[in-house]
Amino acid sequence: MATIHEVATKWVADMEFASQIDDHIIRLDTVEAGGGHNNGPKPKALLLSALTGCTGMDVVSTLKKMHVSFSDFNLIAKADLTDEHPRVYSKIVLVYQIKVKPEDQEKVVKAVNLSKEKYCGVSAMLSKVCPITFSIEYL
C-alpha cells in the first residue's frame, strides 16, 4: 500500500502561511516587496532545503554503514531561476562539503552517487524537470 504524506497549510495574514508537517509548524512568507513580512522562507527555498536534507540524510546513513568517520558536513544548493512566469528552477547545483580522511574520499563519492541515483526521492522528482549536478569539497 502506498504511503500518504499530508501537509496542512493555513493562511496567517498577508502573504504568510503556516504549514503543519507531522508535529512541526513551518512558516512561509515572502519579502516586503512581495507583500510579505519576511517571517519565514519562500516556498521555492524550502524545496531546495528538502533536497539538501534528503540527500544529506542519505549520505550520512550510507557513510555510517560504511564505518566512515566524518565531520563538518554541509550542503549548499544553488539554483538558477527562470525570468518568465511561472518562475522555475532551470538548473540546480549541489555542493557537498565534508571533512574525511583522504583514504575515505572515494567512499564519500559513492555515498553521494547512491543518494542521487537510488535513494533521494526529492532528487529523483526534481531531476525529472530540472538538471541537478553536484560537486564535493573536502575540508
Protein backbone atom coordinates (compact mmCIF):
# COMPACT_ATOMS: atom_id res chain seq x y z
CA MET A 1 0.00 0.00 0.00
CA ALA A 2 1.29 3.47 -0.84
CA THR A 3 2.43 5.77 1.93
CA ILE A 4 0.49 9.01 2.06
CA HIS A 5 2.11 12.23 3.22
CA GLU A 6 -0.22 15.01 4.27
CA VAL A 7 0.64 18.65 4.88
CA ALA A 8 -1.96 21.13 6.12
CA THR A 9 -1.24 24.77 5.27
CA LYS A 10 -3.18 27.69 6.74
CA TRP A 11 -3.14 31.32 5.68
CA VAL A 12 -1.96 33.53 8.57
CA ALA A 13 -2.00 37.07 7.17
CA ASP A 14 -0.86 38.99 4.09
CA MET A 15 1.45 36.51 2.28
CA GLU A 16 2.29 34.40 5.36
CA PHE A 17 1.24 30.77 5.73
CA ALA A 18 1.82 28.13 8.40
CA SER A 19 2.33 24.56 7.23
CA GLN A 20 1.80 21.71 9.66
CA ILE A 21 4.02 18.75 8.85
CA ASP A 22 3.50 15.98 11.40
CA ASP A 23 4.16 17.72 14.75
CA HIS A 24 6.08 20.64 13.19
CA ILE A 25 4.96 24.06 12.04
CA ILE A 26 6.90 25.80 9.27
CA ARG A 27 6.18 29.43 8.47
CA LEU A 28 6.30 30.53 4.84
CA ASP A 29 6.37 34.15 3.77
CA THR A 30 7.95 36.48 1.28
CA VAL A 31 9.83 39.76 1.46
CA GLU A 32 8.09 43.10 1.97
CA ALA A 33 8.48 43.98 -1.72
CA GLY A 34 6.32 40.94 -2.48
CA GLY A 35 3.65 41.82 0.08
CA GLY A 36 5.03 39.80 2.98
CA HIS A 37 6.92 40.46 6.19
CA ASN A 38 9.81 38.01 5.76
CA ASN A 39 8.57 35.86 8.67
CA GLY A 40 9.68 32.65 7.00
CA PRO A 41 11.38 31.25 3.94
CA LYS A 42 9.89 31.43 0.47
CA PRO A 43 8.37 28.19 -0.87
CA LYS A 44 11.00 27.57 -3.57
CA ALA A 45 13.79 27.90 -0.99
CA LEU A 46 12.05 25.22 1.07
CA LEU A 47 12.16 22.98 -1.99
CA LEU A 48 15.96 23.35 -2.03
CA SER A 49 16.04 22.70 1.71
CA ALA A 50 14.08 19.49 1.18
CA LEU A 51 16.59 18.46 -1.47
CA THR A 52 19.66 19.13 0.69
CA GLY A 53 18.04 17.49 3.71
CA CYS A 54 17.06 14.39 1.75
CA THR A 55 20.42 13.82 0.13
CA GLY A 56 22.25 14.77 3.33
CA MET A 57 20.39 12.12 5.31
CA ASP A 58 21.17 9.55 2.61
CA VAL A 59 24.88 10.38 2.67
CA VAL A 60 25.08 10.26 6.48
CA SER A 61 23.24 6.93 6.58
CA THR A 62 25.47 5.43 3.88
CA LEU A 63 28.72 6.68 5.43
CA LYS A 64 27.69 5.26 8.82
CA LYS A 65 27.03 1.88 7.18
CA MET A 66 30.50 2.11 5.58
CA HIS A 67 32.00 2.96 9.01
CA VAL A 68 33.39 6.23 7.65
CA SER A 69 34.16 8.88 10.25
CA PHE A 70 33.37 12.43 9.11
CA SER A 71 32.72 15.90 10.46
CA ASP A 72 31.84 19.39 9.25
CA PHE A 73 29.27 18.11 6.76
CA ASN A 74 27.47 20.94 4.95
CA LEU A 75 25.33 21.07 1.83
CA ILE A 76 24.75 24.08 -0.37
CA ALA A 77 22.14 24.22 -3.13
CA LYS A 78 22.47 26.87 -5.82
CA ALA A 79 19.63 27.16 -8.30
CA ASP A 80 19.11 29.26 -11.43
CA LEU A 81 15.63 30.77 -11.63
CA THR A 82 13.98 31.49 -14.98
CA ASP A 83 12.89 35.04 -15.83
CA GLU A 84 9.49 34.05 -17.25
CA HIS A 85 6.44 33.10 -15.20
CA PRO A 86 5.95 30.64 -13.79
CA ARG A 87 9.48 31.19 -12.48
CA VAL A 88 11.04 27.77 -12.03
CA TYR A 89 14.49 26.40 -11.43
CA SER A 90 16.31 25.70 -14.68
CA LYS A 91 19.40 24.18 -13.06
CA ILE A 92 20.41 23.10 -9.54
CA VAL A 93 23.96 22.60 -8.33
CA LEU A 94 24.58 20.76 -5.06
CA VAL A 95 27.84 21.32 -3.22
CA TYR A 96 28.73 18.74 -0.57
CA GLN A 97 31.34 19.98 1.90
CA ILE A 98 32.73 17.34 4.22
CA LYS A 99 35.77 16.58 6.31
CA VAL A 100 37.02 12.99 5.99
CA LYS A 101 40.33 11.23 5.88
CA PRO A 102 41.85 11.25 2.37
CA GLU A 103 41.52 7.48 2.15
CA ASP A 104 37.73 7.79 2.65
CA GLN A 105 37.10 10.32 -0.13
CA GLU A 106 36.11 7.65 -2.66
CA LYS A 107 33.51 6.36 -0.19
CA VAL A 108 32.03 9.84 0.00
CA VAL A 109 31.75 9.89 -3.80
CA LYS A 110 30.00 6.51 -3.67
CA ALA A 111 27.59 7.71 -0.95
CA VAL A 112 26.71 10.86 -2.92
CA ASN A 113 26.16 8.85 -6.13
CA LEU A 114 23.95 6.34 -4.29
CA SER A 115 21.85 9.19 -2.95
CA LYS A 116 21.47 10.77 -6.39
CA GLU A 117 20.88 7.55 -8.33
CA LYS A 118 18.98 5.37 -5.87
CA TYR A 119 17.79 6.81 -2.58
CA CYS A 120 16.86 10.50 -2.60
CA GLY A 121 13.24 10.79 -3.68
CA VAL A 122 13.36 14.57 -3.72
CA SER A 123 16.29 14.49 -6.13
CA ALA A 124 14.53 11.89 -8.27
CA MET A 125 11.40 14.05 -8.54
CA LEU A 126 13.20 17.32 -9.22
CA SER A 127 15.62 15.83 -11.74
CA LYS A 128 12.68 14.91 -13.98
CA VAL A 129 12.13 18.61 -14.70
CA CYS A 130 15.44 20.23 -13.78
CA PRO A 131 19.04 19.06 -14.17
CA ILE A 132 20.87 18.54 -10.87
CA THR A 133 24.66 18.39 -10.77
CA PHE A 134 26.98 18.15 -7.80
CA SER A 135 30.48 18.71 -6.56
CA ILE A 136 32.27 17.61 -3.42
CA GLU A 137 34.62 19.84 -1.46
CA TYR A 138 36.85 18.12 1.06
CA LEU A 139 37.56 20.26 4.10
